[in-house]
């Protein structure tokens, strides 16, 4: 995929976040973007160099800041996501028309929560998907953003979510027929998941 059709996804990669990451990946693919996740690429490079190279190869990027606060006593907040957002904003200021055309979407569970710890972003348009981590709201946020930045004639958010639900059901049936257990299915690698998404969407035409 070219620069114009690639999207960098900056988010947590733990098991808990998968219920959001999977519909996010599906939505990007459904709307014609190739998702790039740092954990899928060369582990021989330094992580920061890898991230910078990926950000420079993507016109679009999505940054989820929901883990900036700790959720239990003695737990540290996660600052990788806001750090990568800062790197992306810096790259956008590089000389050259291509990098200057980069677009980013910042998302969180609450629209203005970032102001407490990232006040420099004040005035930016942050999208929220709710404290209950609702995939349908996340899909709508991404779809609406791409309507403004990529193509004004996107499918309705409700259609994309409905297609995602059908894909999940089809994939589970397909893999169980192949002998996968429910545990196997829930532990698919992100590369496998992306491949299944692509094949399903392609077959839908």
Protein backbone atom coordinates (compact mmCIF):
# COMPACT_ATOMS: atom_id res chain seq x y z
CA UNK A 1 0.00 0.00 0.00
CA UNK A 2 1.13 3.55 -0.73
CA UNK A 3 1.65 6.45 1.68
CA UNK A 4 -1.81 7.79 0.76
CA UNK A 5 -3.54 4.52 1.71
CA UNK A 6 -1.72 3.63 4.94
CA UNK A 7 -2.72 4.31 8.55
CA UNK A 8 -0.52 3.95 11.63
CA UNK A 9 -2.41 2.73 14.71
CA UNK A 10 -0.96 3.85 18.04
CA UNK A 11 -2.74 2.05 20.87
CA UNK A 12 -2.26 -0.54 23.64
CA UNK A 13 -1.62 -4.07 22.37
CA UNK A 14 -2.78 -6.03 25.40
CA UNK A 15 -5.61 -8.56 25.55
CA UNK A 16 -8.03 -6.10 27.15
CA UNK A 17 -7.74 -3.63 24.26
CA UNK A 18 -8.34 -6.27 21.56
CA UNK A 19 -12.10 -5.73 21.76
CA UNK A 20 -11.40 -2.24 20.38
CA UNK A 21 -8.35 -2.95 18.22
CA UNK A 22 -10.10 -5.61 16.13
CA UNK A 23 -13.05 -3.44 15.08
CA UNK A 24 -10.63 -0.54 14.54
CA UNK A 25 -8.52 -2.65 12.16
CA UNK A 26 -11.64 -3.90 10.38
CA UNK A 27 -12.99 -0.36 9.95
CA UNK A 28 -9.72 0.91 8.47
CA UNK A 29 -9.53 -1.99 6.00
CA UNK A 30 -13.21 -1.66 5.10
CA UNK A 31 -12.65 2.00 4.25
CA UNK A 32 -9.63 1.26 2.05
CA UNK A 33 -6.71 1.86 4.41
CA UNK A 34 -3.84 -0.51 5.23
CA UNK A 35 -3.32 -0.56 9.02
CA UNK A 36 0.28 -0.55 10.26
CA UNK A 37 1.05 -1.61 13.82
CA UNK A 38 4.56 -1.29 15.23
CA UNK A 39 4.59 -4.78 16.75
CA UNK A 40 4.16 -6.39 13.30
CA UNK A 41 7.41 -5.04 11.88
CA UNK A 42 11.16 -5.61 12.13
CA UNK A 43 12.08 -6.48 15.72
CA UNK A 44 15.75 -6.11 14.81
CA UNK A 45 15.41 -2.33 14.64
CA UNK A 46 15.22 -0.10 17.68
CA UNK A 47 11.56 0.35 18.60
CA UNK A 48 11.69 4.13 18.22
CA UNK A 49 13.36 3.96 14.79
CA UNK A 50 10.73 1.45 13.70
CA UNK A 51 7.90 3.72 14.87
CA UNK A 52 9.40 6.79 13.14
CA UNK A 53 9.79 4.88 9.87
CA UNK A 54 6.20 3.63 10.05
CA UNK A 55 4.82 7.08 10.85
CA UNK A 56 6.70 8.53 7.88
CA UNK A 57 5.21 5.85 5.61
CA UNK A 58 1.57 6.64 6.56
CA UNK A 59 -0.52 9.62 5.56
CA UNK A 60 -3.03 8.76 8.30
CA UNK A 61 -2.55 7.87 11.95
CA UNK A 62 -4.85 7.08 14.86
CA UNK A 63 -3.65 7.72 18.41
CA UNK A 64 -5.56 6.34 21.41
CA UNK A 65 -4.67 8.19 24.63
CA UNK A 66 -6.97 6.18 26.92
CA UNK A 67 -4.15 4.66 28.97
CA UNK A 68 -2.57 7.92 30.16
CA UNK A 69 -3.92 7.28 33.68
CA UNK A 70 -3.39 4.28 35.93
CA UNK A 71 -6.44 2.15 36.70
CA UNK A 72 -5.38 0.64 40.04
CA UNK A 73 -3.09 1.45 42.99
CA UNK A 74 0.68 1.29 42.31
CA UNK A 75 0.11 0.97 38.56
CA UNK A 76 2.06 3.35 36.33
CA UNK A 77 0.28 5.32 33.62
CA UNK A 78 1.29 4.54 30.03
CA UNK A 79 3.02 7.35 28.14
CA UNK A 80 4.04 5.50 24.96
CA UNK A 81 0.87 6.60 23.18
CA UNK A 82 1.16 10.37 23.86
CA UNK A 83 4.89 10.15 23.10
CA UNK A 84 4.20 8.59 19.69
CA UNK A 85 1.56 11.24 19.03
CA UNK A 86 4.22 13.90 19.70
CA UNK A 87 6.62 12.17 17.30
CA UNK A 88 3.89 12.14 14.65
CA UNK A 89 3.17 15.84 15.09
CA UNK A 90 6.90 16.54 14.78
CA UNK A 91 7.16 14.48 11.57
CA UNK A 92 4.29 16.47 10.07
CA UNK A 93 6.49 19.57 10.32
CA UNK A 94 9.27 17.99 8.20
CA UNK A 95 9.98 19.85 4.92
CA UNK A 96 8.16 18.38 1.95
CA UNK A 97 4.59 18.28 0.73
CA UNK A 98 4.00 14.58 1.43
CA UNK A 99 4.72 14.60 5.18
CA UNK A 100 3.03 17.98 5.59
CA UNK A 101 -0.16 16.36 4.28
CA UNK A 102 -0.29 13.83 7.14
CA UNK A 103 -3.58 13.59 9.05
CA UNK A 104 -4.07 12.25 12.56
CA UNK A 105 -7.05 11.32 14.69
CA UNK A 106 -6.69 11.47 18.49
CA UNK A 107 -9.18 9.38 20.44
CA UNK A 108 -9.91 8.77 24.11
CA UNK A 109 -12.70 7.48 26.30
CA UNK A 110 -13.65 11.07 27.19
CA UNK A 111 -13.46 14.06 24.87
CA UNK A 112 -11.66 16.57 27.13
CA UNK A 113 -9.84 14.34 29.61
CA UNK A 114 -6.49 14.91 27.85
CA UNK A 115 -6.44 18.56 29.00
CA UNK A 116 -5.36 17.46 32.49
CA UNK A 117 -2.02 16.04 31.33
CA UNK A 118 -1.62 17.21 27.71
CA UNK A 119 -2.75 20.82 27.80
CA UNK A 120 -0.58 21.63 24.76
CA UNK A 121 -3.19 19.76 22.69
CA UNK A 122 -5.93 22.16 23.79
CA UNK A 123 -7.90 23.41 20.82
CA UNK A 124 -7.43 20.12 18.99
CA UNK A 125 -10.42 18.04 17.97
CA UNK A 126 -10.35 14.89 20.12
CA UNK A 127 -12.88 12.13 19.38
CA UNK A 128 -14.26 9.95 22.18
CA UNK A 129 -15.74 6.46 22.19
CA UNK A 130 -17.17 6.42 25.74
CA UNK A 131 -16.12 5.04 29.10
CA UNK A 132 -17.69 1.69 28.26
CA UNK A 133 -15.25 1.19 25.38
CA UNK A 134 -17.97 0.75 22.77
CA UNK A 135 -16.66 -0.54 19.41
CA UNK A 136 -19.58 0.98 17.48
CA UNK A 137 -18.69 4.45 18.79
CA UNK A 138 -15.05 3.92 17.88
CA UNK A 139 -16.01 2.89 14.35
CA UNK A 140 -18.19 6.01 14.02
CA UNK A 141 -15.33 8.24 15.20
CA UNK A 142 -12.94 6.77 12.61
CA UNK A 143 -15.53 6.80 9.82
CA UNK A 144 -16.48 10.43 10.50
CA UNK A 145 -12.82 11.50 10.58
CA UNK A 146 -12.12 9.82 7.24
CA UNK A 147 -15.21 11.49 5.78
CA UNK A 148 -13.52 14.82 6.48
CA UNK A 149 -9.94 13.88 5.60
CA UNK A 150 -10.06 11.18 2.90
CA UNK A 151 -13.40 10.65 1.16
CA UNK A 152 -16.72 12.44 1.87
CA UNK A 153 -18.76 9.48 0.60
CA UNK A 154 -18.03 6.81 3.19
CA UNK A 155 -20.53 4.06 4.13
CA UNK A 156 -22.68 4.77 7.19
CA UNK A 157 -21.14 3.89 10.56
CA UNK A 158 -24.07 1.57 11.29
CA UNK A 159 -23.35 -0.35 8.07
CA UNK A 160 -19.66 -0.75 8.91
CA UNK A 161 -20.47 -2.01 12.41
CA UNK A 162 -23.07 -4.42 11.04
CA UNK A 163 -20.52 -5.76 8.55
CA UNK A 164 -17.98 -6.14 11.37
CA UNK A 165 -20.44 -8.17 13.46
CA UNK A 166 -21.15 -10.41 10.47
CA UNK A 167 -17.43 -10.83 9.79
CA UNK A 168 -16.79 -11.92 13.38
CA UNK A 169 -19.57 -14.53 13.17
CA UNK A 170 -18.34 -15.80 9.78
CA UNK A 171 -14.73 -15.98 10.96
CA UNK A 172 -15.62 -17.92 14.10
CA UNK A 173 -17.63 -20.46 12.08
CA UNK A 174 -14.88 -20.78 9.46
CA UNK A 175 -12.11 -21.33 12.00
CA UNK A 176 -14.12 -23.77 14.11
CA UNK A 177 -14.67 -25.79 10.93
CA UNK A 178 -10.88 -25.81 10.56
CA UNK A 179 -10.58 -27.28 14.07
CA UNK A 180 -9.78 -24.10 15.98
CA UNK A 181 -11.00 -23.90 19.57
CA UNK A 182 -12.60 -20.72 20.96
CA UNK A 183 -9.34 -20.09 22.79
CA UNK A 184 -7.38 -20.42 19.53
CA UNK A 185 -9.72 -17.92 17.88
CA UNK A 186 -9.43 -15.38 20.68
CA UNK A 187 -5.63 -15.64 20.49
CA UNK A 188 -5.17 -15.07 16.76
CA UNK A 189 -2.13 -12.94 16.03
CA UNK A 190 -2.80 -9.47 14.66
CA UNK A 191 -1.21 -10.50 11.35
CA UNK A 192 -3.63 -13.43 11.04
CA UNK A 193 -6.57 -11.24 11.96
CA UNK A 194 -5.65 -8.61 9.36
CA UNK A 195 -5.30 -11.30 6.69
CA UNK A 196 -8.74 -12.77 7.49
CA UNK A 197 -10.27 -9.27 7.42
CA UNK A 198 -8.75 -8.54 4.02
CA UNK A 199 -9.96 -11.81 2.53
CA UNK A 200 -13.49 -11.37 3.88
CA UNK A 201 -13.80 -7.75 2.73
CA UNK A 202 -12.37 -8.63 -0.69
CA UNK A 203 -14.92 -11.46 -1.07
CA UNK A 204 -17.70 -9.00 -0.21
CA UNK A 205 -16.64 -6.82 -3.11
